[in-house]
C-alpha atoms as a PDB file:
ATOM      1  CA  MET A   1      97.069 162.200 103.423  1.00  0.00           C
ATOM      2  CA  LYS A   2     100.610 163.191 104.382  1.00  0.00           C
ATOM      3  CA  ILE A   3     103.126 160.510 103.389  1.00  0.00           C
ATOM      4  CA  GLY A   4     106.813 160.312 104.230  1.00  0.00           C
ATOM      5  CA  ILE A   5     109.153 158.533 101.831  1.00  0.00           C
ATOM      6  CA  ILE A   6     112.395 157.233 103.335  1.00  0.00           C
ATOM      7  CA  ASN A   7     115.228 156.032 101.104  1.00  0.00           C
ATOM      8  CA  ASN A   8     118.960 156.132 101.687  1.00  0.00           C
ATOM      9  CA  LEU A   9     119.664 158.025  98.446  1.00  0.00           C
ATOM     10  CA  TYR A  10     117.725 160.583  96.463  1.00  0.00           C
ATOM     11  CA  LYS A  11     118.503 163.175  93.816  1.00  0.00           C
ATOM     12  CA  PRO A  12     120.965 164.733  93.273  1.00  0.00           C
ATOM     13  CA  TYR A  13     122.844 161.984  95.135  1.00  0.00           C
ATOM     14  CA  ASN A  14     121.059 159.128  93.403  1.00  0.00           C
ATOM     15  CA  LYS A  15     122.814 156.093  91.956  1.00  0.00           C
ATOM     16  CA  GLY A  16     120.444 153.250  91.152  1.00  0.00           C
ATOM     17  CA  GLY A  17     116.978 151.950  90.480  1.00  0.00           C
ATOM     18  CA  ALA A  18     115.545 152.370  93.990  1.00  0.00           C
ATOM     19  CA  GLU A  19     115.860 156.136  93.707  1.00  0.00           C
ATOM     20  CA  LYS A  20     114.016 156.120  90.383  1.00  0.00           C
ATOM     21  CA  VAL A  21     111.257 154.021  91.924  1.00  0.00           C
ATOM     22  CA  CYS A  22     110.936 156.485  94.806  1.00  0.00           C
ATOM     23  CA  GLU A  23     110.580 159.373  92.364  1.00  0.00           C
ATOM     24  CA  ARG A  24     107.801 157.529  90.570  1.00  0.00           C
ATOM     25  CA  ILE A  25     106.047 156.615  93.819  1.00  0.00           C
ATOM     26  CA  ILE A  26     106.073 160.268  94.848  1.00  0.00           C
ATOM     27  CA  ALA A  27     104.794 161.391  91.440  1.00  0.00           C
ATOM     28  CA  GLU A  28     101.873 158.934  91.636  1.00  0.00           C
ATOM     29  CA  LEU A  29     101.026 159.899  95.218  1.00  0.00           C
ATOM     30  CA  GLU A  30     101.030 163.616  94.449  1.00  0.00           C
ATOM     31  CA  LYS A  31      98.998 163.013  91.310  1.00  0.00           C
ATOM     32  CA  ASN A  32      96.382 161.391  93.552  1.00  0.00           C
ATOM     33  CA  GLY A  33      96.300 164.394  95.874  1.00  0.00           C
ATOM     34  CA  HIS A  34      98.623 163.259  98.664  1.00  0.00           C
ATOM     35  CA  SER A  35     101.282 165.440 100.289  1.00  0.00           C
ATOM     36  CA  CYS A  36     104.792 163.979 100.445  1.00  0.00           C
ATOM     37  CA  PHE A  37     108.130 164.647 102.085  1.00  0.00           C
ATOM     38  CA  ILE A  38     111.418 162.765 101.816  1.00  0.00           C
ATOM     39  CA  ILE A  39     114.024 161.649 104.326  1.00  0.00           C
ATOM     40  CA  THR A  40     117.332 160.626 102.747  1.00  0.00           C
ATOM     41  CA  THR A  41     121.098 160.999 103.157  1.00  0.00           C
ATOM     42  CA  LYS A  42     123.855 163.084 101.645  1.00  0.00           C
ATOM     43  CA  PRO A  43     127.654 163.129 101.924  1.00  0.00           C
ATOM     44  CA  ARG A  44     128.722 165.202 104.913  1.00  0.00           C
ATOM     45  CA  ASP A  45     130.627 167.703 102.752  1.00  0.00           C
ATOM     46  CA  LYS A  46     127.702 168.340 100.383  1.00  0.00           C
ATOM     47  CA  THR A  47     125.022 170.980 100.792  1.00  0.00           C
ATOM     48  CA  GLU A  48     121.319 170.290 101.103  1.00  0.00           C
ATOM     49  CA  ILE A  49     119.278 170.773  97.953  1.00  0.00           C
ATOM     50  CA  ASN A  50     116.008 172.665  98.236  1.00  0.00           C
ATOM     51  CA  HIS A  51     113.464 171.101  95.915  1.00  0.00           C
ATOM     52  CA  GLU A  52     109.918 169.822  95.938  1.00  0.00           C
ATOM     53  CA  PRO A  53     108.732 167.817  97.707  1.00  0.00           C
ATOM     54  CA  LYS A  54     110.354 168.867 100.985  1.00  0.00           C
ATOM     55  CA  THR A  55     113.517 166.858 101.541  1.00  0.00           C
ATOM     56  CA  TYR A  56     115.380 166.188 104.784  1.00  0.00           C
ATOM     57  CA  TYR A  57     119.023 165.152 104.415  1.00  0.00           C
ATOM     58  CA  LEU A  58     120.891 163.181 107.076  1.00  0.00           C
ATOM     59  CA  ASN A  59     124.682 163.237 106.844  1.00  0.00           C
ATOM     60  CA  SER A  60     126.081 159.820 106.010  1.00  0.00           C
ATOM     61  CA  GLU A  61     129.160 158.189 104.509  1.00  0.00           C
ATOM     62  CA  TYR A  62     126.953 155.777 102.594  1.00  0.00           C
ATOM     63  CA  TYR A  63     127.208 157.578  99.235  1.00  0.00           C
ATOM     64  CA  ASN A  64     131.003 157.087  99.182  1.00  0.00           C
ATOM     65  CA  LEU A  65     131.166 153.927 101.286  1.00  0.00           C
ATOM     66  CA  GLY A  66     132.300 151.766  98.374  1.00  0.00           C
ATOM     67  CA  GLN A  67     135.545 153.749  98.231  1.00  0.00           C
ATOM     68  CA  LYS A  68     136.462 152.901 101.826  1.00  0.00           C
ATOM     69  CA  GLN A  69     138.628 150.036 103.059  1.00  0.00           C
ATOM     70  CA  LEU A  70     136.967 146.789 104.198  1.00  0.00           C
ATOM     71  CA  LEU A  71     137.749 147.343 107.889  1.00  0.00           C
ATOM     72  CA  HIS A  72     136.263 150.851 107.736  1.00  0.00           C
ATOM     73  CA  ARG A  73     133.102 149.485 106.107  1.00  0.00           C
ATOM     74  CA  PHE A  74     132.824 146.790 108.807  1.00  0.00           C
ATOM     75  CA  PHE A  75     132.775 149.303 111.651  1.00  0.00           C
ATOM     76  CA  TRP A  76     130.512 151.588 109.639  1.00  0.00           C
ATOM     77  CA  GLN A  77     127.970 148.763 109.380  1.00  0.00           C
ATOM     78  CA  ILE A  78     127.944 148.394 113.159  1.00  0.00           C
ATOM     79  CA  GLY A  79     127.312 152.107 113.457  1.00  0.00           C
ATOM     80  CA  ASN A  80     124.558 151.871 110.869  1.00  0.00           C
ATOM     81  CA  ILE A  81     122.664 149.472 113.112  1.00  0.00           C
ATOM     82  CA  PHE A  82     123.188 151.285 116.414  1.00  0.00           C
ATOM     83  CA  ASN A  83     123.274 154.927 115.286  1.00  0.00           C
ATOM     84  CA  PHE A  84     121.403 156.647 118.099  1.00  0.00           C
ATOM     85  CA  ALA A  85     122.230 160.188 116.922  1.00  0.00           C
ATOM     86  CA  LYS A  86     120.747 159.594 113.489  1.00  0.00           C
ATOM     87  CA  GLY A  87     117.763 157.839 115.035  1.00  0.00           C
ATOM     88  CA  LYS A  88     117.163 160.885 117.233  1.00  0.00           C
ATOM     89  CA  LYS A  89     117.187 163.183 114.183  1.00  0.00           C
ATOM     90  CA  LEU A  90     114.821 160.876 112.320  1.00  0.00           C
ATOM     91  CA  LYS A  91     112.421 160.783 115.263  1.00  0.00           C
ATOM     92  CA  LYS A  92     112.474 164.584 115.493  1.00  0.00           C
ATOM     93  CA  ILE A  93     111.588 164.924 111.800  1.00  0.00           C
ATOM     94  CA  LEU A  94     108.705 162.471 112.067  1.00  0.00           C
ATOM     95  CA  GLN A  95     107.352 164.199 115.166  1.00  0.00           C
ATOM     96  CA  LEU A  96     107.529 167.526 113.334  1.00  0.00           C
ATOM     97  CA  GLU A  97     105.869 166.304 110.116  1.00  0.00           C
ATOM     98  CA  LYS A  98     103.289 163.990 111.762  1.00  0.00           C
ATOM     99  CA  PRO A  99     102.796 161.776 108.664  1.00  0.00           C
ATOM    100  CA  ASP A 100      99.801 159.488 108.250  1.00  0.00           C
ATOM    101  CA  LEU A 101     101.940 156.886 106.496  1.00  0.00           C
ATOM    102  CA  ILE A 102     105.624 156.092 106.037  1.00  0.00           C
ATOM    103  CA  ILE A 103     106.853 154.258 102.941  1.00  0.00           C
ATOM    104  CA  SER A 104     110.388 153.091 103.688  1.00  0.00           C
ATOM    105  CA  ASN A 105     112.768 151.712 101.101  1.00  0.00           C
ATOM    106  CA  ASN A 106     116.513 151.074 101.323  1.00  0.00           C
ATOM    107  CA  LEU A 107     117.652 152.089 104.809  1.00  0.00           C
ATOM    108  CA  MET A 108     121.395 151.487 104.612  1.00  0.00           C
ATOM    109  CA  GLY A 109     122.939 154.744 105.830  1.00  0.00           C
ATOM    110  CA  ILE A 110     119.784 155.809 107.669  1.00  0.00           C
ATOM    111  CA  GLY A 111     119.799 152.876 110.050  1.00  0.00           C
ATOM    112  CA  LEU A 112     117.800 149.826 111.048  1.00  0.00           C
ATOM    113  CA  LYS A 113     116.463 151.725 114.065  1.00  0.00           C
ATOM    114  CA  THR A 114     114.120 153.372 111.538  1.00  0.00           C
ATOM    115  CA  PHE A 115     111.744 150.411 111.824  1.00  0.00           C
ATOM    116  CA  LYS A 116     111.490 150.689 115.602  1.00  0.00           C
ATOM    117  CA  ILE A 117     111.145 154.485 115.590  1.00  0.00           C
ATOM    118  CA  ILE A 118     108.202 154.329 113.169  1.00  0.00           C
ATOM    119  CA  LYS A 119     106.543 151.649 115.297  1.00  0.00           C
ATOM    120  CA  ARG A 120     107.036 153.556 118.564  1.00  0.00           C
ATOM    121  CA  LEU A 121     105.472 156.669 117.020  1.00  0.00           C
ATOM    122  CA  ASN A 122     102.501 154.528 115.971  1.00  0.00           C
ATOM    123  CA  ILE A 123     102.715 155.567 112.306  1.00  0.00           C
ATOM    124  CA  LYS A 124     101.307 153.308 109.606  1.00  0.00           C
ATOM    125  CA  HIS A 125     104.219 151.716 107.799  1.00  0.00           C
ATOM    126  CA  THR A 126     104.770 150.111 104.398  1.00  0.00           C
ATOM    127  CA  HIS A 127     108.240 148.814 103.573  1.00  0.00           C
ATOM    128  CA  VAL A 128     109.296 148.357  99.933  1.00  0.00           C
ATOM    129  CA  LEU A 129     111.985 145.799  99.106  1.00  0.00           C
ATOM    130  CA  HIS A 130     114.581 146.647  96.468  1.00  0.00           C
ATOM    131  CA  ASP A 131     117.460 144.264  97.219  1.00  0.00           C
ATOM    132  CA  ILE A 132     118.835 141.998  99.963  1.00  0.00           C
ATOM    133  CA  GLN A 133     120.219 144.730 102.250  1.00  0.00           C
ATOM    134  CA  LEU A 134     118.428 143.185 105.227  1.00  0.00           C
ATOM    135  CA  ILE A 135     119.889 139.762 104.412  1.00  0.00           C
ATOM    136  CA  HIS A 136     123.440 140.864 103.639  1.00  0.00           C
ATOM    137  CA  PRO A 137     124.974 144.305 104.239  1.00  0.00           C
ATOM    138  CA  SER A 138     126.362 144.490 100.702  1.00  0.00           C
ATOM    139  CA  GLY A 139     122.848 144.213  99.301  1.00  0.00           C
ATOM    140  CA  LEU A 140     124.312 141.943  96.624  1.00  0.00           C
ATOM    141  CA  MET A 141     124.366 138.253  95.874  1.00  0.00           C
ATOM    142  CA  ILE A 142     126.659 137.402  92.975  1.00  0.00           C
ATOM    143  CA  PHE A 143     126.173 134.468  90.615  1.00  0.00           C
ATOM    144  CA  GLY A 144     128.428 131.620  91.754  1.00  0.00           C
ATOM    145  CA  LYS A 145     128.812 133.144  95.236  1.00  0.00           C
ATOM    146  CA  GLU A 146     125.345 132.451  96.587  1.00  0.00           C
ATOM    147  CA  LYS A 147     126.722 130.960  99.816  1.00  0.00           C
ATOM    148  CA  ILE A 148     127.587 134.475 100.990  1.00  0.00           C
ATOM    149  CA  ILE A 149     124.141 134.825 102.568  1.00  0.00           C
ATOM    150  CA  ASN A 150     124.550 131.580 104.538  1.00  0.00           C
ATOM    151  CA  THR A 151     127.885 132.293 106.241  1.00  0.00           C
ATOM    152  CA  LEU A 152     128.053 132.713 110.021  1.00  0.00           C
ATOM    153  CA  PRO A 153     128.612 136.513 109.835  1.00  0.00           C
ATOM    154  CA  ALA A 154     125.644 136.807 107.453  1.00  0.00           C
ATOM    155  CA  LYS A 155     123.429 134.807 109.799  1.00  0.00           C
ATOM    156  CA  ILE A 156     124.418 137.036 112.727  1.00  0.00           C
ATOM    157  CA  TYR A 157     123.625 140.110 110.631  1.00  0.00           C
ATOM    158  CA  GLN A 158     120.271 138.633 109.573  1.00  0.00           C
ATOM    159  CA  ASN A 159     119.344 137.902 113.176  1.00  0.00           C
ATOM    160  CA  ILE A 160     120.034 141.525 114.128  1.00  0.00           C
ATOM    161  CA  SER A 161     118.266 143.063 111.132  1.00  0.00           C
ATOM    162  CA  ARG A 162     115.301 140.705 111.560  1.00  0.00           C
ATOM    163  CA  LYS A 163     114.846 141.837 115.175  1.00  0.00           C
ATOM    164  CA  PHE A 164     115.097 145.514 114.232  1.00  0.00           C
ATOM    165  CA  SER A 165     112.813 145.309 111.186  1.00  0.00           C
ATOM    166  CA  GLY A 166     110.044 143.337 112.884  1.00  0.00           C
ATOM    167  CA  SER A 167     106.811 143.248 110.888  1.00  0.00           C
ATOM    168  CA  PRO A 168     105.610 146.501 109.310  1.00  0.00           C
ATOM    169  CA  GLU A 169     101.908 146.550 108.422  1.00  0.00           C
ATOM    170  CA  LYS A 170     102.710 145.945 104.756  1.00  0.00           C
ATOM    171  CA  VAL A 171     105.745 144.720 102.843  1.00  0.00           C
ATOM    172  CA  VAL A 172     105.806 145.286  99.095  1.00  0.00           C
ATOM    173  CA  SER A 173     108.153 143.475  96.714  1.00  0.00           C
ATOM    174  CA  PRO A 174     108.240 143.921  92.923  1.00  0.00           C
ATOM    175  CA  SER A 175     109.403 140.322  92.507  1.00  0.00           C
ATOM    176  CA  ASN A 176     108.298 137.093  94.116  1.00  0.00           C
ATOM    177  CA  TRP A 177     111.948 135.990  94.134  1.00  0.00           C
ATOM    178  CA  LEU A 178     113.029 138.796  96.480  1.00  0.00           C
ATOM    179  CA  LEU A 179     110.057 138.354  98.778  1.00  0.00           C
ATOM    180  CA  GLN A 180     110.707 134.617  99.078  1.00  0.00           C
ATOM    181  CA  GLU A 181     114.395 135.239  99.897  1.00  0.00           C
ATOM    182  CA  HIS A 182     113.300 137.316 102.893  1.00  0.00           C
ATOM    183  CA  LEU A 183     110.595 134.903 103.981  1.00  0.00           C
ATOM    184  CA  LYS A 184     113.066 132.007 103.907  1.00  0.00           C
ATOM    185  CA  LYS A 185     115.219 133.959 106.353  1.00  0.00           C
ATOM    186  CA  GLY A 186     112.296 134.544 108.716  1.00  0.00           C
ATOM    187  CA  PHE A 187     111.538 138.199 107.932  1.00  0.00           C
ATOM    188  CA  PHE A 188     108.131 139.906 108.120  1.00  0.00           C
ATOM    189  CA  LYS A 189     106.192 137.011 109.671  1.00  0.00           C
ATOM    190  CA  ASN A 190     103.194 139.150 110.639  1.00  0.00           C
ATOM    191  CA  SER A 191     103.215 141.640 107.759  1.00  0.00           C
ATOM    192  CA  GLU A 192     100.801 141.726 104.859  1.00  0.00           C
ATOM    193  CA  LYS A 193     102.914 140.642 101.882  1.00  0.00           C
ATOM    194  CA  ILE A 194     102.245 142.201  98.489  1.00  0.00           C
ATOM    195  CA  ILE A 195     103.909 141.493  95.151  1.00  0.00           C
ATOM    196  CA  GLN A 196     103.491 144.627  93.076  1.00  0.00           C
ATOM    197  CA  ALA A 197     105.335 145.819  89.974  1.00  0.00           C
ATOM    198  CA  ASN A 198     107.313 149.029  90.219  1.00  0.00           C
ATOM    199  CA  PRO A 199     105.578 152.190  88.967  1.00  0.00           C
ATOM    200  CA  GLN A 200     105.830 152.602  85.219  1.00  0.00           C
ATOM    201  CA  PRO A 201     108.629 154.927  84.066  1.00  0.00           C
ATOM    202  CA  PHE A 202     106.637 156.948  81.544  1.00  0.00           C
ATOM    203  CA  GLU A 203     103.055 158.157  81.171  1.00  0.00           C
ATOM    204  CA  GLU A 204     101.992 156.483  77.922  1.00  0.00           C
ATOM    205  CA  LYS A 205     103.408 153.386  76.295  1.00  0.00           C
ATOM    206  CA  LYS A 206     105.121 154.088  72.981  1.00  0.00           C
ATOM    207  CA  GLU A 207     104.436 151.797  70.063  1.00  0.00           C
ATOM    208  CA  ILE A 208     107.763 151.858  68.246  1.00  0.00           C
ATOM    209  CA  ILE A 209     107.993 150.074  64.903  1.00  0.00           C
ATOM    210  CA  ARG A 210     111.548 148.930  64.244  1.00  0.00           C
ATOM    211  CA  ASP A 211     113.028 147.853  60.944  1.00  0.00           C
ATOM    212  CA  LYS A 212     114.038 144.243  61.504  1.00  0.00           C
ATOM    213  CA  ASP A 213     115.799 144.115  58.139  1.00  0.00           C
ATOM    214  CA  LYS A 214     118.123 147.089  58.560  1.00  0.00           C
ATOM    215  CA  GLU A 215     121.787 146.410  57.956  1.00  0.00           C
ATOM    216  CA  ILE A 216     123.252 147.323  61.351  1.00  0.00           C
ATOM    217  CA  LYS A 217     121.766 146.152  64.629  1.00  0.00           C
ATOM    218  CA  TYR A 218     122.243 148.302  67.744  1.00  0.00           C
ATOM    219  CA  PHE A 219     122.462 146.722  71.184  1.00  0.00           C
ATOM    220  CA  LEU A 220     122.210 148.848  74.319  1.00  0.00           C
ATOM    221  CA  PHE A 221     123.449 148.601  77.917  1.00  0.00           C
ATOM    222  CA  ILE A 222     122.079 150.980  80.560  1.00  0.00           C
ATOM    223  CA  GLY A 223     123.294 150.871  84.136  1.00  0.00           C
ATOM    224  CA  GLN A 224     126.054 151.383  86.652  1.00  0.00           C
ATOM    225  CA  LEU A 225     129.506 150.628  85.294  1.00  0.00           C
ATOM    226  CA  GLU A 226     130.248 148.156  88.062  1.00  0.00           C
ATOM    227  CA  GLU A 227     131.471 144.573  87.917  1.00  0.00           C
ATOM    228  CA  HIS A 228     128.265 143.077  89.349  1.00  0.00           C
ATOM    229  CA  LYS A 229     126.214 144.673  86.574  1.00  0.00           C
ATOM    230  CA  GLY A 230     128.066 142.507  84.060  1.00  0.00           C
ATOM    231  CA  ILE A 231     129.512 145.325  81.951  1.00  0.00           C
ATOM    232  CA  ILE A 232     132.993 143.766  81.748  1.00  0.00           C
ATOM    233  CA  PHE A 233     131.465 140.389  80.917  1.00  0.00           C
ATOM    234  CA  LEU A 234     129.308 142.016  78.212  1.00  0.00           C
ATOM    235  CA  ILE A 235     132.200 143.820  76.502  1.00  0.00           C
ATOM    236  CA  GLU A 236     134.390 140.723  76.575  1.00  0.00           C
ATOM    237  CA  THR A 237     131.555 138.677  75.082  1.00  0.00           C
ATOM    238  CA  PHE A 238     130.683 141.280  72.444  1.00  0.00           C
ATOM    239  CA  LYS A 239     134.287 141.470  71.245  1.00  0.00           C
ATOM    240  CA  LYS A 240     134.218 137.731  70.533  1.00  0.00           C
ATOM    241  CA  ILE A 241     131.404 138.206  68.005  1.00  0.00           C
ATOM    242  CA  GLU A 242     132.959 138.714  64.582  1.00  0.00           C
ATOM    243  CA  ASN A 243     129.877 140.285  62.994  1.00  0.00           C
ATOM    244  CA  THR A 244     130.795 143.802  61.815  1.00  0.00           C
ATOM    245  CA  LYS A 245     127.145 144.796  61.387  1.00  0.00           C
ATOM    246  CA  ILE A 246     126.419 145.162  65.107  1.00  0.00           C
ATOM    247  CA  ASN A 247     127.073 147.983  67.543  1.00  0.00           C
ATOM    248  CA  LEU A 248     127.013 148.145  71.331  1.00  0.00           C
ATOM    249  CA  LYS A 249     126.082 151.428  73.015  1.00  0.00           C
ATOM    250  CA  ILE A 250     126.808 151.882  76.710  1.00  0.00           C
ATOM    251  CA  ILE A 251     124.949 154.381  78.904  1.00  0.00           C
ATOM    252  CA  GLY A 252     126.024 154.879  82.492  1.00  0.00           C
ATOM    253  CA  ASP A 253     128.809 155.864  84.831  1.00  0.00           C
ATOM    254  CA  GLY A 254     130.813 154.211  87.582  1.00  0.00           C
ATOM    255  CA  LYS A 255     134.235 153.251  88.817  1.00  0.00           C
ATOM    256  CA  LEU A 256     134.887 151.018  85.786  1.00  0.00           C
ATOM    257  CA  MET A 257     134.569 153.837  83.252  1.00  0.00           C
ATOM    258  CA  ASP A 258     138.307 154.073  82.569  1.00  0.00           C
ATOM    259  CA  LYS A 259     138.627 150.301  82.323  1.00  0.00           C
ATOM    260  CA  ILE A 260     135.824 149.879  79.801  1.00  0.00           C
ATOM    261  CA  LYS A 261     137.207 152.747  77.710  1.00  0.00           C
ATOM    262  CA  LEU A 262     140.521 150.932  77.583  1.00  0.00           C
ATOM    263  CA  MET A 263     138.830 147.622  76.765  1.00  0.00           C
ATOM    264  CA  SER A 264     136.798 149.188  73.957  1.00  0.00           C
ATOM    265  CA  GLN A 265     139.380 151.379  72.273  1.00  0.00           C
ATOM    266  CA  ASP A 266     140.346 148.718  69.728  1.00  0.00           C
ATOM    267  CA  ASP A 267     136.736 147.953  68.713  1.00  0.00           C
ATOM    268  CA  ASN A 268     134.933 150.773  66.916  1.00  0.00           C
ATOM    269  CA  ARG A 269     131.632 148.889  67.201  1.00  0.00           C
ATOM    270  CA  ILE A 270     131.479 149.788  70.924  1.00  0.00           C
ATOM    271  CA  LYS A 271     130.245 153.299  71.741  1.00  0.00           C
ATOM    272  CA  ILE A 272     130.507 154.631  75.308  1.00  0.00           C
ATOM    273  CA  LEU A 273     127.889 157.362  75.726  1.00  0.00           C
ATOM    274  CA  GLY A 274     128.394 158.068  79.441  1.00  0.00           C
ATOM    275  CA  PRO A 275     125.582 159.132  81.809  1.00  0.00           C
ATOM    276  CA  LYS A 276     122.334 160.396  80.268  1.00  0.00           C
ATOM    277  CA  ASN A 277     119.235 162.056  81.668  1.00  0.00           C
ATOM    278  CA  LYS A 278     115.745 160.560  81.447  1.00  0.00           C
ATOM    279  CA  GLU A 279     114.903 162.236  78.141  1.00  0.00           C
ATOM    280  CA  GLU A 280     118.192 161.206  76.531  1.00  0.00           C
ATOM    281  CA  VAL A 281     117.740 157.607  77.699  1.00  0.00           C
ATOM    282  CA  ALA A 282     114.229 157.584  76.240  1.00  0.00           C
ATOM    283  CA  GLU A 283     115.610 158.772  72.905  1.00  0.00           C
ATOM    284  CA  GLU A 284     118.202 155.998  72.834  1.00  0.00           C
ATOM    285  CA  LEU A 285     115.550 153.408  73.683  1.00  0.00           C
ATOM    286  CA  THR A 286     113.595 154.429  70.600  1.00  0.00           C
ATOM    287  CA  ARG A 287     116.655 154.222  68.334  1.00  0.00           C
ATOM    288  CA  THR A 288     118.204 150.952  69.468  1.00  0.00           C
ATOM    289  CA  ASP A 289     117.209 147.410  68.479  1.00  0.00           C
ATOM    290  CA  CYS A 290     117.775 145.376  71.641  1.00  0.00           C
ATOM    291  CA  LEU A 291     118.524 145.959  75.317  1.00  0.00           C
ATOM    292  CA  VAL A 292     121.073 143.684  77.001  1.00  0.00           C
ATOM    293  CA  VAL A 293     120.899 143.180  80.791  1.00  0.00           C
ATOM    294  CA  PRO A 294     123.999 141.066  81.577  1.00  0.00           C
ATOM    295  CA  SER A 295     123.811 141.234  85.387  1.00  0.00           C
ATOM    296  CA  LEU A 296     126.036 138.934  87.404  1.00  0.00           C
ATOM    297  CA  CYS A 297     124.139 139.812  90.588  1.00  0.00           C
ATOM    298  CA  TYR A 298     120.691 138.615  91.588  1.00  0.00           C
ATOM    299  CA  GLU A 299     118.526 141.553  90.510  1.00  0.00           C
ATOM    300  CA  ASN A 300     115.128 142.269  92.011  1.00  0.00           C
ATOM    301  CA  SER A 301     113.140 144.057  89.310  1.00  0.00           C
ATOM    302  CA  PRO A 302     115.472 146.198  87.161  1.00  0.00           C
ATOM    303  CA  THR A 303     113.992 149.584  86.222  1.00  0.00           C
ATOM    304  CA  VAL A 304     115.768 149.455  82.873  1.00  0.00           C
ATOM    305  CA  ILE A 305     113.600 146.484  81.837  1.00  0.00           C
ATOM    306  CA  TYR A 306     110.447 148.480  82.593  1.00  0.00           C
ATOM    307  CA  GLU A 307     111.842 151.315  80.496  1.00  0.00           C
ATOM    308  CA  ALA A 308     112.630 148.995  77.584  1.00  0.00           C
ATOM    309  CA  LYS A 309     109.179 147.447  77.681  1.00  0.00           C
ATOM    310  CA  HIS A 310     107.638 150.910  77.543  1.00  0.00           C
ATOM    311  CA  PHE A 311     109.272 151.379  74.142  1.00  0.00           C
ATOM    312  CA  ASN A 312     108.475 147.864  72.979  1.00  0.00           C
ATOM    313  CA  LEU A 313     112.192 147.109  72.900  1.00  0.00           C
ATOM    314  CA  PRO A 314     113.363 143.471  72.680  1.00  0.00           C
ATOM    315  CA  ILE A 315     115.448 142.333  75.664  1.00  0.00           C
ATOM    316  CA  ILE A 316     118.216 139.825  76.252  1.00  0.00           C
ATOM    317  CA  ALA A 317     118.814 139.336  79.983  1.00  0.00           C
ATOM    318  CA  SER A 318     120.557 137.037  82.443  1.00  0.00           C
ATOM    319  CA  ASN A 319     118.294 134.562  84.218  1.00  0.00           C
ATOM    320  CA  LEU A 320     118.935 135.686  87.791  1.00  0.00           C
ATOM    321  CA  GLY A 321     116.710 136.771  90.660  1.00  0.00           C
ATOM    322  CA  GLY A 322     113.498 138.492  89.667  1.00  0.00           C
ATOM    323  CA  ILE A 323     114.492 139.130  86.042  1.00  0.00           C
ATOM    324  CA  PRO A 324     112.719 136.032  84.619  1.00  0.00           C
ATOM    325  CA  GLU A 325     109.443 137.299  86.138  1.00  0.00           C
ATOM    326  CA  LEU A 326     109.639 140.321  83.807  1.00  0.00           C
ATOM    327  CA  ILE A 327     110.625 138.471  80.640  1.00  0.00           C
ATOM    328  CA  SER A 328     108.045 137.169  78.216  1.00  0.00           C
ATOM    329  CA  GLN A 329     108.923 134.466  75.736  1.00  0.00           C
ATOM    330  CA  GLU A 330     107.339 136.260  72.811  1.00  0.00           C
ATOM    331  CA  TYR A 331     110.297 138.396  71.753  1.00  0.00           C
ATOM    332  CA  GLU A 332     112.553 138.444  74.832  1.00  0.00           C
ATOM    333  CA  ARG A 333     115.344 136.048  75.683  1.00  0.00           C
ATOM    334  CA  LEU A 334     117.029 134.824  78.843  1.00  0.00           C
ATOM    335  CA  PHE A 335     120.597 133.530  78.926  1.00  0.00           C
ATOM    336  CA  GLU A 336     122.549 131.715  81.613  1.00  0.00           C
ATOM    337  CA  ALA A 337     124.338 134.308  83.731  1.00  0.00           C
ATOM    338  CA  GLY A 338     128.063 134.530  83.064  1.00  0.00           C
ATOM    339  CA  ASN A 339     127.846 132.131  80.110  1.00  0.00           C
ATOM    340  CA  GLN A 340     129.508 133.812  77.122  1.00  0.00           C
ATOM    341  CA  ALA A 341     128.547 131.089  74.649  1.00  0.00           C
ATOM    342  CA  ASP A 342     124.883 131.336  75.628  1.00  0.00           C
ATOM    343  CA  LEU A 343     124.860 135.141  75.378  1.00  0.00           C
ATOM    344  CA  ILE A 344     126.533 134.996  71.962  1.00  0.00           C
ATOM    345  CA  ASN A 345     123.937 132.457  70.868  1.00  0.00           C
ATOM    346  CA  LYS A 346     121.099 134.720  72.014  1.00  0.00           C
ATOM    347  CA  ILE A 347     122.596 137.770  70.286  1.00  0.00           C
ATOM    348  CA  ASN A 348     123.084 135.832  67.047  1.00  0.00           C
ATOM    349  CA  GLY A 349     119.582 134.430  67.345  1.00  0.00           C
ATOM    350  CA  PHE A 350     118.197 137.944  67.660  1.00  0.00           C
ATOM    351  CA  ILE A 351     120.160 139.117  64.618  1.00  0.00           C
ATOM    352  CA  GLU A 352     118.822 136.189  62.604  1.00  0.00           C
ATOM    353  CA  ASN A 353     115.327 136.834  64.031  1.00  0.00           C
ATOM    354  CA  LYS A 354     115.160 133.369  65.529  1.00  0.00           C
ATOM    355  CA  LYS A 355     113.536 132.486  68.879  1.00  0.00           C
END
């Protein structure tokens, strides 16, 4: 079967978890004998990358959109909905490739017309949810600012995106929370709804035996260095813990890199490791004692939690969105998002080996 994967970002222009999920979906499909191709975007000034599987790049500002002014982003969003030129290119690619199935993911930067084009070409279609991009153009809902998805502009946007998206044959969501958010807003009324965990990050689960009695405990953050990921909140909280026998390692990159370096320079317990590749991340996951996921946004199904579970790594995570669906009570802990006292309590409880 020939299968087309559509996602707004893909390597080497990848940023987040959705791109990792797409890579894993492709790996599983090819392992099962299917042929795949990718449709994605790239910055206009970047060259196309020739790699397997075949990848089609559409020029888009999306990769650098966060650096633009609010008014620019507003008009860009209008163009994202009614981008006929990009829709024409997409249609041409699909007519050339003649796929048996399309698996679409995040479409911001490719355009909402994608749904209608796939339907008009009579191609089987499965849409995978990763965030709330169809509910709010930012794709984010921040703790304490939940009303953002119920404002008049948001409702207008939802009405438009709901009409464009229609009801693909199947809609897959890794978390029940994210699926329910869409259903509450009237999306996908006639689609088959499936709750399915993201593909596993590694082939075989590693049974790592950690020394619970060692003197220094290492905590690890992996993710984008952005405010909504809770990195500032985590560093501020960590610095309030007086225990000298703990360390915090930070893996990732983002616009807050300079700020967190400045925040951490007076605390030698905090180590900023920068971006790491898959193999380097795996190595850190085997050497650390606990993963911290301090998100201030409503996450769907964070890939980093799957990665931690693969290495049998204890997790402390904020209780937002789909995160609680991934957390077991056996040796993992949830804390109230944005609550420093609760996070400190959970970190101290882990150090003392208390539930």
